[in-house]
Amino acid sequence: MSSSETNLACRVCQAAMLPDDRYCERCGVRVGTVPHDQTPVARGCTACGAPAEAIDADRYCSRCGVRQRSPEDRQEIDLGVAAGVSDRGRVRARNEDALYLRTVGESGVAVVVCDGISSSLSADLAARGGADAAGAVLAEALRSEALPGDALRGDEAMFAEATRNAVAAAQQTVLEVPWTSRSDLDVPSCTLVSAVCRDGELAIGWVGDSRAYWIAEDGSRQLTVDHSWAQEQVAAGLLSAQEAGADTRAHAITRWLGRDAPDGGAQVLTMRPTEPGQLVLCSDGLWNYAPDVAGIAALLDALPPGTAAIAAAHSLTDTALAAGGHDNITVAVLNVTASKEG
């Protein structure tokens, strides 16, 4: 083997590679892809205003020394009735959350938030693939009309089934993310929370500890129940919420998407609001700083009446960043009208 061959290294984890390798045997990244935290900067310094040529290959400004954020560090989607933000945060090297958000027709909205598990290989690819796969299934359901004669009202039954299919599609996609058994990291995996909505009919699905909240004047509440060690201890009556939350295992999740996912799968909830409200979906990068529904509701209630969904998503994301931004942060906000049959 020549010296030039042995000098090749993965741009993500620096593991030794061969010229004909397609994937890194240690971290699983595909050769030739640019990691999120190495995307070139095309604009000048955001701190001192230096021109783009003053930014080096590692995104540091040669004038003031401030490291610039990559375009991949933050994603924003504004669809009017719904909006979302996914931000790398202030500590993590790259954004391993993913956001899917799409409107279909006059009132249909599909949204998926996935949080890549940081201890797993290619967590960002797992999250991105899972979100896109689930979102595509939900968007397709919004293009369909409910069949008459369902046990539940048409849309409610159809959306619940679409949600289960969406999670199954996400699981299959995560299974296909390249990985290697030579790494000491877990296989690619992520959590998921999704929502599909039309004319005030909603279905929420989740696996793991990404959450959905309903915020409304007639009563705000957390719609999802974390698949976590702490939640299971509380549900079993073994520990109080305070005791479980103080344990080092508190945030260990008990369900996820991936090759080593345990039995149980997704939970699905349907609802038909009688009053308008806001649906908030988020990763734990937000709720770690506002751990209950009262905290999320207070943040939104502090905004002026009629605040746009994108402004609400900005505000929630900025709150997490201001509190430290120790994890990736993803937030989606949907403005929901009351059900026509509410």
C-alpha atoms as a PDB file:
ATOM      1  CA  MET A   1       0.000   0.000   0.000  1.00  0.00           C
ATOM      2  CA  SER A   2       1.407   3.395  -0.974  1.00  0.00           C
ATOM      3  CA  SER A   3       1.885   6.279   1.440  1.00  0.00           C
ATOM      4  CA  SER A   4      -0.680   8.328  -0.470  1.00  0.00           C
ATOM      5  CA  GLU A   5      -3.282   5.653   0.215  1.00  0.00           C
ATOM      6  CA  THR A   6      -2.591   5.588   3.946  1.00  0.00           C
ATOM      7  CA  ASN A   7      -2.801   9.381   4.185  1.00  0.00           C
ATOM      8  CA  LEU A   8      -6.434   9.475   3.097  1.00  0.00           C
ATOM      9  CA  ALA A   9      -8.790  10.258   5.969  1.00  0.00           C
ATOM     10  CA  CYS A  10     -12.513  10.769   6.552  1.00  0.00           C
ATOM     11  CA  ARG A  11     -13.379  14.450   6.623  1.00  0.00           C
ATOM     12  CA  VAL A  12     -15.786  13.873   9.524  1.00  0.00           C
ATOM     13  CA  CYS A  13     -14.005  11.543  11.967  1.00  0.00           C
ATOM     14  CA  GLN A  14     -10.463  11.452  10.451  1.00  0.00           C
ATOM     15  CA  ALA A  15     -10.430   7.637  10.221  1.00  0.00           C
ATOM     16  CA  ALA A  16      -7.983   6.157   7.690  1.00  0.00           C
ATOM     17  CA  MET A  17      -9.580   5.418   4.288  1.00  0.00           C
ATOM     18  CA  LEU A  18      -8.678   3.800   0.977  1.00  0.00           C
ATOM     19  CA  PRO A  19      -9.109   5.462  -2.454  1.00  0.00           C
ATOM     20  CA  ASP A  20     -11.954   3.126  -3.480  1.00  0.00           C
ATOM     21  CA  ASP A  21     -13.904   3.430  -0.211  1.00  0.00           C
ATOM     22  CA  ARG A  22     -17.452   4.693  -0.728  1.00  0.00           C
ATOM     23  CA  TYR A  23     -18.285   5.079   2.955  1.00  0.00           C
ATOM     24  CA  CYS A  24     -16.234   5.683   6.074  1.00  0.00           C
ATOM     25  CA  GLU A  25     -15.974   2.420   8.015  1.00  0.00           C
ATOM     26  CA  ARG A  26     -15.997   4.272  11.344  1.00  0.00           C
ATOM     27  CA  CYS A  27     -18.739   6.916  11.074  1.00  0.00           C
ATOM     28  CA  GLY A  28     -20.631   5.819   7.955  1.00  0.00           C
ATOM     29  CA  VAL A  29     -20.523   9.139   6.080  1.00  0.00           C
ATOM     30  CA  ARG A  30     -20.575   8.835   2.290  1.00  0.00           C
ATOM     31  CA  VAL A  31     -17.342   9.828   0.548  1.00  0.00           C
ATOM     32  CA  GLY A  32     -17.649  13.102  -1.334  1.00  0.00           C
ATOM     33  CA  THR A  33     -20.375  14.595   0.831  1.00  0.00           C
ATOM     34  CA  VAL A  34     -19.681  17.821   2.692  1.00  0.00           C
ATOM     35  CA  PRO A  35     -20.448  17.623   6.422  1.00  0.00           C
ATOM     36  CA  HIS A  36     -22.874  20.238   7.729  1.00  0.00           C
ATOM     37  CA  ASP A  37     -20.176  21.867   9.815  1.00  0.00           C
ATOM     38  CA  GLN A  38     -17.812  22.241   6.843  1.00  0.00           C
ATOM     39  CA  THR A  39     -20.064  23.981   4.318  1.00  0.00           C
ATOM     40  CA  PRO A  40     -18.201  26.941   2.793  1.00  0.00           C
ATOM     41  CA  VAL A  41     -19.256  30.444   3.777  1.00  0.00           C
ATOM     42  CA  ALA A  42     -20.421  32.538   0.822  1.00  0.00           C
ATOM     43  CA  ARG A  43     -20.950  35.826   2.673  1.00  0.00           C
ATOM     44  CA  GLY A  44     -18.830  38.106   4.824  1.00  0.00           C
ATOM     45  CA  CYS A  45     -18.292  38.079   8.558  1.00  0.00           C
ATOM     46  CA  THR A  46     -21.490  38.552  10.531  1.00  0.00           C
ATOM     47  CA  ALA A  47     -19.549  39.978  13.482  1.00  0.00           C
ATOM     48  CA  CYS A  48     -17.233  42.625  12.006  1.00  0.00           C
ATOM     49  CA  GLY A  49     -18.476  42.970   8.435  1.00  0.00           C
ATOM     50  CA  ALA A  50     -15.272  41.733   6.804  1.00  0.00           C
ATOM     51  CA  PRO A  51     -15.758  40.585   3.166  1.00  0.00           C
ATOM     52  CA  ALA A  52     -16.248  36.931   2.220  1.00  0.00           C
ATOM     53  CA  GLU A  53     -12.587  36.517   1.243  1.00  0.00           C
ATOM     54  CA  ALA A  54     -11.625  37.154   4.884  1.00  0.00           C
ATOM     55  CA  ILE A  55     -13.359  33.907   5.916  1.00  0.00           C
ATOM     56  CA  ASP A  56     -11.018  30.902   5.843  1.00  0.00           C
ATOM     57  CA  ALA A  57     -11.814  27.278   4.982  1.00  0.00           C
ATOM     58  CA  ASP A  58     -12.746  26.528   8.593  1.00  0.00           C
ATOM     59  CA  ARG A  59     -15.160  29.511   8.571  1.00  0.00           C
ATOM     60  CA  TYR A  60     -13.104  31.712  10.902  1.00  0.00           C
ATOM     61  CA  CYS A  61     -12.835  35.434  10.172  1.00  0.00           C
ATOM     62  CA  SER A  62      -9.173  36.412   9.674  1.00  0.00           C
ATOM     63  CA  ARG A  63      -9.906  39.904  11.011  1.00  0.00           C
ATOM     64  CA  CYS A  64     -11.857  39.318  14.217  1.00  0.00           C
ATOM     65  CA  GLY A  65     -11.537  35.558  14.723  1.00  0.00           C
ATOM     66  CA  VAL A  66     -15.278  34.857  14.983  1.00  0.00           C
ATOM     67  CA  ARG A  67     -16.374  31.522  13.494  1.00  0.00           C
ATOM     68  CA  GLN A  68     -19.194  31.934  11.003  1.00  0.00           C
ATOM     69  CA  ARG A  69     -22.337  29.827  10.977  1.00  0.00           C
ATOM     70  CA  SER A  70     -22.877  27.506   8.018  1.00  0.00           C
ATOM     71  CA  PRO A  71     -26.087  27.798   5.953  1.00  0.00           C
ATOM     72  CA  GLU A  72     -26.721  24.210   7.053  1.00  0.00           C
ATOM     73  CA  ASP A  73     -26.709  25.311  10.689  1.00  0.00           C
ATOM     74  CA  ARG A  74     -30.172  26.823  10.438  1.00  0.00           C
ATOM     75  CA  GLN A  75     -33.235  26.016   8.351  1.00  0.00           C
ATOM     76  CA  GLU A  76     -36.338  28.196   8.243  1.00  0.00           C
ATOM     77  CA  ILE A  77     -39.636  27.433   6.524  1.00  0.00           C
ATOM     78  CA  ASP A  78     -42.472  29.960   6.442  1.00  0.00           C
ATOM     79  CA  LEU A  79     -45.751  28.814   4.882  1.00  0.00           C
ATOM     80  CA  GLY A  80     -47.959  31.418   6.535  1.00  0.00           C
ATOM     81  CA  VAL A  81     -50.364  29.200   8.452  1.00  0.00           C
ATOM     82  CA  ALA A  82     -47.406  27.069   9.562  1.00  0.00           C
ATOM     83  CA  ALA A  83     -43.702  27.710  10.002  1.00  0.00           C
ATOM     84  CA  GLY A  84     -40.642  26.125  11.490  1.00  0.00           C
ATOM     85  CA  VAL A  85     -37.011  26.646  12.465  1.00  0.00           C
ATOM     86  CA  SER A  86     -34.241  24.086  12.888  1.00  0.00           C
ATOM     87  CA  ASP A  87     -31.054  25.461  14.444  1.00  0.00           C
ATOM     88  CA  ARG A  88     -27.699  23.844  15.269  1.00  0.00           C
ATOM     89  CA  GLY A  89     -27.583  25.584  18.642  1.00  0.00           C
ATOM     90  CA  ARG A  90     -24.446  26.965  20.274  1.00  0.00           C
ATOM     91  CA  VAL A  91     -22.586  23.801  21.268  1.00  0.00           C
ATOM     92  CA  ARG A  92     -23.102  20.925  18.822  1.00  0.00           C
ATOM     93  CA  ALA A  93     -20.762  20.655  15.822  1.00  0.00           C
ATOM     94  CA  ARG A  94     -23.618  20.121  13.365  1.00  0.00           C
ATOM     95  CA  ASN A  95     -27.388  20.069  13.219  1.00  0.00           C
ATOM     96  CA  GLU A  96     -28.637  16.500  13.654  1.00  0.00           C
ATOM     97  CA  ASP A  97     -32.302  17.560  13.825  1.00  0.00           C
ATOM     98  CA  ALA A  98     -34.479  17.646  10.718  1.00  0.00           C
ATOM     99  CA  LEU A  99     -37.688  19.474   9.806  1.00  0.00           C
ATOM    100  CA  TYR A 100     -40.263  18.659   7.127  1.00  0.00           C
ATOM    101  CA  LEU A 101     -43.113  21.129   6.590  1.00  0.00           C
ATOM    102  CA  ARG A 102     -45.514  21.342   3.664  1.00  0.00           C
ATOM    103  CA  THR A 103     -48.976  22.664   2.893  1.00  0.00           C
ATOM    104  CA  VAL A 104     -51.294  20.741   0.577  1.00  0.00           C
ATOM    105  CA  GLY A 105     -54.448  22.253  -0.883  1.00  0.00           C
ATOM    106  CA  GLU A 106     -56.273  25.047   0.891  1.00  0.00           C
ATOM    107  CA  SER A 107     -55.992  23.839   4.474  1.00  0.00           C
ATOM    108  CA  GLY A 108     -53.760  20.756   4.652  1.00  0.00           C
ATOM    109  CA  VAL A 109     -50.481  20.823   6.594  1.00  0.00           C
ATOM    110  CA  ALA A 110     -47.956  18.032   7.124  1.00  0.00           C
ATOM    111  CA  VAL A 111     -45.079  18.480   9.557  1.00  0.00           C
ATOM    112  CA  VAL A 112     -42.392  16.153  10.880  1.00  0.00           C
ATOM    113  CA  VAL A 113     -39.624  16.826  13.397  1.00  0.00           C
ATOM    114  CA  CYS A 114     -36.855  14.237  13.777  1.00  0.00           C
ATOM    115  CA  ASP A 115     -34.012  14.369  16.296  1.00  0.00           C
ATOM    116  CA  GLY A 116     -30.957  12.303  15.393  1.00  0.00           C
ATOM    117  CA  ILE A 117     -29.596  10.387  18.387  1.00  0.00           C
ATOM    118  CA  SER A 118     -26.150  11.844  19.019  1.00  0.00           C
ATOM    119  CA  SER A 119     -24.615   8.543  20.140  1.00  0.00           C
ATOM    120  CA  SER A 120     -25.447   6.924  16.795  1.00  0.00           C
ATOM    121  CA  LEU A 121     -23.723   6.868  13.422  1.00  0.00           C
ATOM    122  CA  SER A 122     -24.868   9.401  10.800  1.00  0.00           C
ATOM    123  CA  ALA A 123     -27.525  10.785  13.125  1.00  0.00           C
ATOM    124  CA  ASP A 124     -28.099  13.722  10.785  1.00  0.00           C
ATOM    125  CA  LEU A 125     -28.772  11.406   7.835  1.00  0.00           C
ATOM    126  CA  ALA A 126     -31.144   9.308   9.925  1.00  0.00           C
ATOM    127  CA  ALA A 127     -33.104  12.385  10.984  1.00  0.00           C
ATOM    128  CA  ARG A 128     -33.212  13.920   7.515  1.00  0.00           C
ATOM    129  CA  GLY A 129     -34.210  10.685   5.822  1.00  0.00           C
ATOM    130  CA  GLY A 130     -36.815   9.875   8.450  1.00  0.00           C
ATOM    131  CA  ALA A 131     -38.409  13.315   8.291  1.00  0.00           C
ATOM    132  CA  ASP A 132     -38.582  13.364   4.496  1.00  0.00           C
ATOM    133  CA  ALA A 133     -39.974   9.827   4.239  1.00  0.00           C
ATOM    134  CA  ALA A 134     -42.670  10.391   6.856  1.00  0.00           C
ATOM    135  CA  GLY A 135     -43.532  13.803   5.433  1.00  0.00           C
ATOM    136  CA  ALA A 136     -44.040  12.418   1.946  1.00  0.00           C
ATOM    137  CA  VAL A 137     -46.578   9.875   3.237  1.00  0.00           C
ATOM    138  CA  LEU A 138     -48.492  12.534   5.186  1.00  0.00           C
ATOM    139  CA  ALA A 139     -48.515  14.926   2.233  1.00  0.00           C
ATOM    140  CA  GLU A 140     -49.887  12.180   0.002  1.00  0.00           C
ATOM    141  CA  ALA A 141     -52.660  11.518   2.514  1.00  0.00           C
ATOM    142  CA  LEU A 142     -53.632  15.191   2.323  1.00  0.00           C
ATOM    143  CA  ARG A 143     -54.059  14.833  -1.430  1.00  0.00           C
ATOM    144  CA  SER A 144     -56.632  12.078  -0.874  1.00  0.00           C
ATOM    145  CA  GLU A 145     -60.254  12.320   0.113  1.00  0.00           C
ATOM    146  CA  ALA A 146     -61.576  10.417   3.105  1.00  0.00           C
ATOM    147  CA  LEU A 147     -63.659   7.362   2.341  1.00  0.00           C
ATOM    148  CA  PRO A 148     -67.253   7.354   3.647  1.00  0.00           C
ATOM    149  CA  GLY A 149     -68.345   4.814   6.212  1.00  0.00           C
ATOM    150  CA  ASP A 150     -65.187   4.832   8.348  1.00  0.00           C
ATOM    151  CA  ALA A 151     -65.659   3.933  12.002  1.00  0.00           C
ATOM    152  CA  LEU A 152     -64.335   7.366  12.847  1.00  0.00           C
ATOM    153  CA  ARG A 153     -65.063  10.504  10.889  1.00  0.00           C
ATOM    154  CA  GLY A 154     -63.347  10.140   7.514  1.00  0.00           C
ATOM    155  CA  ASP A 155     -60.323  12.410   7.869  1.00  0.00           C
ATOM    156  CA  GLU A 156     -59.674  11.317  11.427  1.00  0.00           C
ATOM    157  CA  ALA A 157     -59.448   7.648  10.507  1.00  0.00           C
ATOM    158  CA  MET A 158     -57.486   8.297   7.337  1.00  0.00           C
ATOM    159  CA  PHE A 159     -54.972  10.573   9.065  1.00  0.00           C
ATOM    160  CA  ALA A 160     -54.415   8.092  11.890  1.00  0.00           C
ATOM    161  CA  GLU A 161     -53.650   5.352   9.373  1.00  0.00           C
ATOM    162  CA  ALA A 162     -51.457   7.710   7.335  1.00  0.00           C
ATOM    163  CA  THR A 163     -49.514   8.567  10.484  1.00  0.00           C
ATOM    164  CA  ARG A 164     -48.793   4.912  11.214  1.00  0.00           C
ATOM    165  CA  ASN A 165     -47.719   4.442   7.593  1.00  0.00           C
ATOM    166  CA  ALA A 166     -45.545   7.563   7.785  1.00  0.00           C
ATOM    167  CA  VAL A 167     -43.681   6.263  10.825  1.00  0.00           C
ATOM    168  CA  ALA A 168     -43.208   2.898   9.126  1.00  0.00           C
ATOM    169  CA  ALA A 169     -41.775   4.666   6.060  1.00  0.00           C
ATOM    170  CA  ALA A 170     -39.427   6.665   8.278  1.00  0.00           C
ATOM    171  CA  GLN A 171     -38.289   3.490  10.020  1.00  0.00           C
ATOM    172  CA  GLN A 172     -37.528   1.832   6.686  1.00  0.00           C
ATOM    173  CA  THR A 173     -35.543   4.831   5.501  1.00  0.00           C
ATOM    174  CA  VAL A 174     -33.484   4.965   8.681  1.00  0.00           C
ATOM    175  CA  LEU A 175     -32.712   1.261   8.260  1.00  0.00           C
ATOM    176  CA  GLU A 176     -31.179   2.084   4.873  1.00  0.00           C
ATOM    177  CA  VAL A 177     -28.738   4.705   6.188  1.00  0.00           C
ATOM    178  CA  PRO A 178     -25.197   3.326   5.673  1.00  0.00           C
ATOM    179  CA  TRP A 179     -23.434   2.138   8.816  1.00  0.00           C
ATOM    180  CA  THR A 180     -20.559  -0.065   9.891  1.00  0.00           C
ATOM    181  CA  SER A 181     -20.198  -2.611  12.674  1.00  0.00           C
ATOM    182  CA  ARG A 182     -16.593  -1.518  13.174  1.00  0.00           C
ATOM    183  CA  SER A 183     -17.631   1.672  14.937  1.00  0.00           C
ATOM    184  CA  ASP A 184     -18.240   1.940  18.669  1.00  0.00           C
ATOM    185  CA  LEU A 185     -21.215   4.205  17.934  1.00  0.00           C
ATOM    186  CA  ASP A 186     -24.779   2.899  17.781  1.00  0.00           C
ATOM    187  CA  VAL A 187     -26.474   2.241  14.447  1.00  0.00           C
ATOM    188  CA  PRO A 188     -28.189   5.265  12.792  1.00  0.00           C
ATOM    189  CA  SER A 189     -31.273   6.253  14.754  1.00  0.00           C
ATOM    190  CA  CYS A 190     -33.589   9.153  15.561  1.00  0.00           C
ATOM    191  CA  THR A 191     -36.794  10.162  17.303  1.00  0.00           C
ATOM    192  CA  LEU A 192     -39.865  11.476  15.478  1.00  0.00           C
ATOM    193  CA  VAL A 193     -42.963  13.542  16.093  1.00  0.00           C
ATOM    194  CA  SER A 194     -45.412  14.338  13.307  1.00  0.00           C
ATOM    195  CA  ALA A 195     -48.713  16.049  12.655  1.00  0.00           C
ATOM    196  CA  VAL A 196     -51.142  16.064   9.764  1.00  0.00           C
ATOM    197  CA  CYS A 197     -53.975  18.592   9.777  1.00  0.00           C
ATOM    198  CA  ARG A 198     -56.883  19.597   7.536  1.00  0.00           C
ATOM    199  CA  ASP A 199     -59.996  21.602   8.376  1.00  0.00           C
ATOM    200  CA  GLY A 200     -59.369  21.292  12.097  1.00  0.00           C
ATOM    201  CA  GLU A 201     -58.831  17.508  12.005  1.00  0.00           C
ATOM    202  CA  LEU A 202     -55.462  16.439  13.417  1.00  0.00           C
ATOM    203  CA  ALA A 203     -53.451  13.284  13.894  1.00  0.00           C
ATOM    204  CA  ILE A 204     -50.254  13.314  15.947  1.00  0.00           C
ATOM    205  CA  GLY A 205     -47.696  10.515  15.909  1.00  0.00           C
ATOM    206  CA  TRP A 206     -44.500  10.081  17.889  1.00  0.00           C
ATOM    207  CA  VAL A 207     -41.628   7.760  18.731  1.00  0.00           C
ATOM    208  CA  GLY A 208     -39.212   8.899  21.430  1.00  0.00           C
ATOM    209  CA  ASP A 209     -39.158  12.197  23.302  1.00  0.00           C
ATOM    210  CA  SER A 210     -39.760  14.839  20.647  1.00  0.00           C
ATOM    211  CA  ARG A 211     -42.994  16.508  21.669  1.00  0.00           C
ATOM    212  CA  ALA A 212     -46.276  18.054  20.500  1.00  0.00           C
ATOM    213  CA  TYR A 213     -48.184  20.700  22.476  1.00  0.00           C
ATOM    214  CA  TRP A 214     -51.652  22.155  22.014  1.00  0.00           C
ATOM    215  CA  ILE A 215     -51.780  25.832  23.036  1.00  0.00           C
ATOM    216  CA  ALA A 216     -55.243  27.418  23.242  1.00  0.00           C
ATOM    217  CA  GLU A 217     -57.387  29.637  25.448  1.00  0.00           C
ATOM    218  CA  ASP A 218     -59.710  26.736  26.265  1.00  0.00           C
ATOM    219  CA  GLY A 219     -56.852  24.694  27.716  1.00  0.00           C
ATOM    220  CA  SER A 220     -53.229  24.059  26.766  1.00  0.00           C
ATOM    221  CA  ARG A 221     -51.745  20.591  27.154  1.00  0.00           C
ATOM    222  CA  GLN A 222     -48.912  18.316  26.114  1.00  0.00           C
ATOM    223  CA  LEU A 223     -50.273  15.876  23.540  1.00  0.00           C
ATOM    224  CA  THR A 224     -47.387  13.417  23.506  1.00  0.00           C
ATOM    225  CA  VAL A 225     -46.063  11.253  26.317  1.00  0.00           C
ATOM    226  CA  ASP A 226     -42.287  10.818  26.268  1.00  0.00           C
ATOM    227  CA  HIS A 227     -40.945   7.373  25.548  1.00  0.00           C
ATOM    228  CA  SER A 228     -38.259   7.813  28.198  1.00  0.00           C
ATOM    229  CA  TRP A 229     -36.924   6.128  31.324  1.00  0.00           C
ATOM    230  CA  ALA A 230     -38.197   8.921  33.567  1.00  0.00           C
ATOM    231  CA  GLN A 231     -41.718   8.844  32.140  1.00  0.00           C
ATOM    232  CA  GLU A 232     -41.931   5.073  32.480  1.00  0.00           C
ATOM    233  CA  GLN A 233     -40.801   5.221  36.119  1.00  0.00           C
ATOM    234  CA  VAL A 234     -43.466   7.819  36.895  1.00  0.00           C
ATOM    235  CA  ALA A 235     -46.178   5.929  34.975  1.00  0.00           C
ATOM    236  CA  ALA A 236     -45.351   2.743  36.886  1.00  0.00           C
ATOM    237  CA  GLY A 237     -45.595   4.582  40.207  1.00  0.00           C
ATOM    238  CA  LEU A 238     -41.996   3.772  41.073  1.00  0.00           C
ATOM    239  CA  LEU A 239     -40.753   7.349  41.327  1.00  0.00           C
ATOM    240  CA  SER A 240     -42.188  10.834  41.537  1.00  0.00           C
ATOM    241  CA  ALA A 241     -41.663  13.154  38.582  1.00  0.00           C
ATOM    242  CA  GLN A 242     -39.095  15.092  40.625  1.00  0.00           C
ATOM    243  CA  GLU A 243     -37.199  11.933  41.622  1.00  0.00           C
ATOM    244  CA  ALA A 244     -37.199  10.525  38.092  1.00  0.00           C
ATOM    245  CA  GLY A 245     -36.133  13.832  36.597  1.00  0.00           C
ATOM    246  CA  ALA A 246     -33.147  14.041  38.919  1.00  0.00           C
ATOM    247  CA  ASP A 247     -31.827  10.624  37.918  1.00  0.00           C
ATOM    248  CA  THR A 248     -28.983  10.439  35.413  1.00  0.00           C
ATOM    249  CA  ARG A 249     -31.126   8.073  33.317  1.00  0.00           C
ATOM    250  CA  ALA A 250     -34.024  10.513  33.103  1.00  0.00           C
ATOM    251  CA  HIS A 251     -33.604  11.406  29.418  1.00  0.00           C
ATOM    252  CA  ALA A 252     -32.742   7.906  28.218  1.00  0.00           C
ATOM    253  CA  ILE A 253     -35.305   7.147  25.516  1.00  0.00           C
ATOM    254  CA  THR A 254     -37.086   3.804  25.359  1.00  0.00           C
ATOM    255  CA  ARG A 255     -38.384   3.972  21.785  1.00  0.00           C
ATOM    256  CA  TRP A 256     -36.740   5.257  18.610  1.00  0.00           C
ATOM    257  CA  LEU A 257     -36.385   4.626  14.885  1.00  0.00           C
ATOM    258  CA  GLY A 258     -33.467   2.501  13.734  1.00  0.00           C
ATOM    259  CA  ARG A 259     -32.131  -1.010  13.265  1.00  0.00           C
ATOM    260  CA  ASP A 260     -31.981  -1.639  17.014  1.00  0.00           C
ATOM    261  CA  ALA A 261     -35.356  -0.060  17.788  1.00  0.00           C
ATOM    262  CA  PRO A 262     -37.272  -1.880  20.542  1.00  0.00           C
ATOM    263  CA  ASP A 263     -40.804  -3.181  20.117  1.00  0.00           C
ATOM    264  CA  GLY A 264     -43.637  -0.743  20.658  1.00  0.00           C
ATOM    265  CA  GLY A 265     -43.461   1.527  17.637  1.00  0.00           C
ATOM    266  CA  ALA A 266     -45.328   4.785  17.334  1.00  0.00           C
ATOM    267  CA  GLN A 267     -48.199   6.162  19.324  1.00  0.00           C
ATOM    268  CA  VAL A 268     -50.960   7.983  17.446  1.00  0.00           C
ATOM    269  CA  LEU A 269     -53.439  10.509  18.794  1.00  0.00           C
ATOM    270  CA  THR A 270     -56.283  12.163  16.901  1.00  0.00           C
ATOM    271  CA  MET A 271     -58.078  15.321  17.932  1.00  0.00           C
ATOM    272  CA  ARG A 272     -60.804  17.642  16.736  1.00  0.00           C
ATOM    273  CA  PRO A 273     -60.357  21.039  18.457  1.00  0.00           C
ATOM    274  CA  THR A 274     -63.520  22.975  19.259  1.00  0.00           C
ATOM    275  CA  GLU A 275     -61.587  26.240  19.476  1.00  0.00           C
ATOM    276  CA  PRO A 276     -58.703  27.618  17.400  1.00  0.00           C
ATOM    277  CA  GLY A 277     -55.216  27.214  18.780  1.00  0.00           C
ATOM    278  CA  GLN A 278     -51.577  26.582  18.003  1.00  0.00           C
ATOM    279  CA  LEU A 279     -49.914  23.226  17.571  1.00  0.00           C
ATOM    280  CA  VAL A 280     -46.226  23.207  18.538  1.00  0.00           C
ATOM    281  CA  LEU A 281     -43.908  20.357  17.596  1.00  0.00           C
ATOM    282  CA  CYS A 282     -40.339  20.410  18.902  1.00  0.00           C
ATOM    283  CA  SER A 283     -37.201  18.475  19.718  1.00  0.00           C
ATOM    284  CA  ASP A 284     -35.793  18.366  23.238  1.00  0.00           C
ATOM    285  CA  GLY A 285     -33.453  21.201  22.309  1.00  0.00           C
ATOM    286  CA  LEU A 286     -36.419  23.457  23.109  1.00  0.00           C
ATOM    287  CA  TRP A 287     -38.297  21.661  25.843  1.00  0.00           C
ATOM    288  CA  ASN A 288     -35.180  21.104  27.938  1.00  0.00           C
ATOM    289  CA  TYR A 289     -35.433  24.843  28.655  1.00  0.00           C
ATOM    290  CA  ALA A 290     -39.237  24.873  29.048  1.00  0.00           C
ATOM    291  CA  PRO A 291     -39.993  21.364  30.303  1.00  0.00           C
ATOM    292  CA  ASP A 292     -43.760  21.626  30.716  1.00  0.00           C
ATOM    293  CA  VAL A 293     -46.697  22.973  28.746  1.00  0.00           C
ATOM    294  CA  ALA A 294     -47.049  25.965  31.055  1.00  0.00           C
ATOM    295  CA  GLY A 295     -43.583  27.141  30.037  1.00  0.00           C
ATOM    296  CA  ILE A 296     -44.299  26.809  26.308  1.00  0.00           C
ATOM    297  CA  ALA A 297     -47.687  28.505  26.693  1.00  0.00           C
ATOM    298  CA  ALA A 298     -46.163  31.383  28.668  1.00  0.00           C
ATOM    299  CA  LEU A 299     -43.583  32.019  25.951  1.00  0.00           C
ATOM    300  CA  LEU A 300     -46.278  32.164  23.279  1.00  0.00           C
ATOM    301  CA  ASP A 301     -48.695  34.179  25.413  1.00  0.00           C
ATOM    302  CA  ALA A 302     -45.994  36.842  25.817  1.00  0.00           C
ATOM    303  CA  LEU A 303     -46.102  37.510  22.063  1.00  0.00           C
ATOM    304  CA  PRO A 304     -48.475  40.153  20.624  1.00  0.00           C
ATOM    305  CA  PRO A 305     -51.914  38.910  19.520  1.00  0.00           C
ATOM    306  CA  GLY A 306     -51.912  37.711  15.930  1.00  0.00           C
ATOM    307  CA  THR A 307     -48.170  36.977  15.876  1.00  0.00           C
ATOM    308  CA  ALA A 308     -47.281  35.049  12.713  1.00  0.00           C
ATOM    309  CA  ALA A 309     -46.305  31.392  12.988  1.00  0.00           C
ATOM    310  CA  ILE A 310     -42.764  32.109  11.803  1.00  0.00           C
ATOM    311  CA  ALA A 311     -42.334  34.827  14.445  1.00  0.00           C
ATOM    312  CA  ALA A 312     -43.557  32.411  17.113  1.00  0.00           C
ATOM    313  CA  ALA A 313     -41.087  29.758  15.906  1.00  0.00           C
ATOM    314  CA  HIS A 314     -38.298  32.364  15.961  1.00  0.00           C
ATOM    315  CA  SER A 315     -39.192  33.374  19.504  1.00  0.00           C
ATOM    316  CA  LEU A 316     -39.203  29.809  20.844  1.00  0.00           C
ATOM    317  CA  THR A 317     -35.906  29.019  19.116  1.00  0.00           C
ATOM    318  CA  ASP A 318     -34.296  32.234  20.360  1.00  0.00           C
ATOM    319  CA  THR A 319     -35.373  31.392  23.907  1.00  0.00           C
ATOM    320  CA  ALA A 320     -33.485  28.094  23.743  1.00  0.00           C
ATOM    321  CA  LEU A 321     -30.437  29.782  22.203  1.00  0.00           C
ATOM    322  CA  ALA A 322     -30.421  32.476  24.871  1.00  0.00           C
ATOM    323  CA  ALA A 323     -30.619  29.807  27.576  1.00  0.00           C
ATOM    324  CA  GLY A 324     -27.462  28.154  26.263  1.00  0.00           C
ATOM    325  CA  GLY A 325     -28.462  26.255  23.105  1.00  0.00           C
ATOM    326  CA  HIS A 326     -26.675  23.113  24.307  1.00  0.00           C
ATOM    327  CA  ASP A 327     -28.539  20.904  21.834  1.00  0.00           C
ATOM    328  CA  ASN A 328     -29.936  21.222  18.332  1.00  0.00           C
ATOM    329  CA  ILE A 329     -33.257  23.066  18.388  1.00  0.00           C
ATOM    330  CA  THR A 330     -36.198  22.395  16.071  1.00  0.00           C
ATOM    331  CA  VAL A 331     -39.607  24.034  16.431  1.00  0.00           C
ATOM    332  CA  ALA A 332     -42.683  24.001  14.196  1.00  0.00           C
ATOM    333  CA  VAL A 333     -45.791  26.106  14.869  1.00  0.00           C
ATOM    334  CA  LEU A 334     -49.150  25.537  13.174  1.00  0.00           C
ATOM    335  CA  ASN A 335     -52.112  27.874  13.502  1.00  0.00           C
ATOM    336  CA  VAL A 336     -55.141  25.558  13.660  1.00  0.00           C
ATOM    337  CA  THR A 337     -58.756  26.511  13.124  1.00  0.00           C
ATOM    338  CA  ALA A 338     -61.589  24.788  14.957  1.00  0.00           C
ATOM    339  CA  SER A 339     -63.015  21.641  13.408  1.00  0.00           C
ATOM    340  CA  LYS A 340     -65.975  22.263  11.096  1.00  0.00           C
ATOM    341  CA  GLU A 341     -67.904  19.744  13.145  1.00  0.00           C
ATOM    342  CA  GLY A 342     -66.524  20.938  16.481  1.00  0.00           C
END
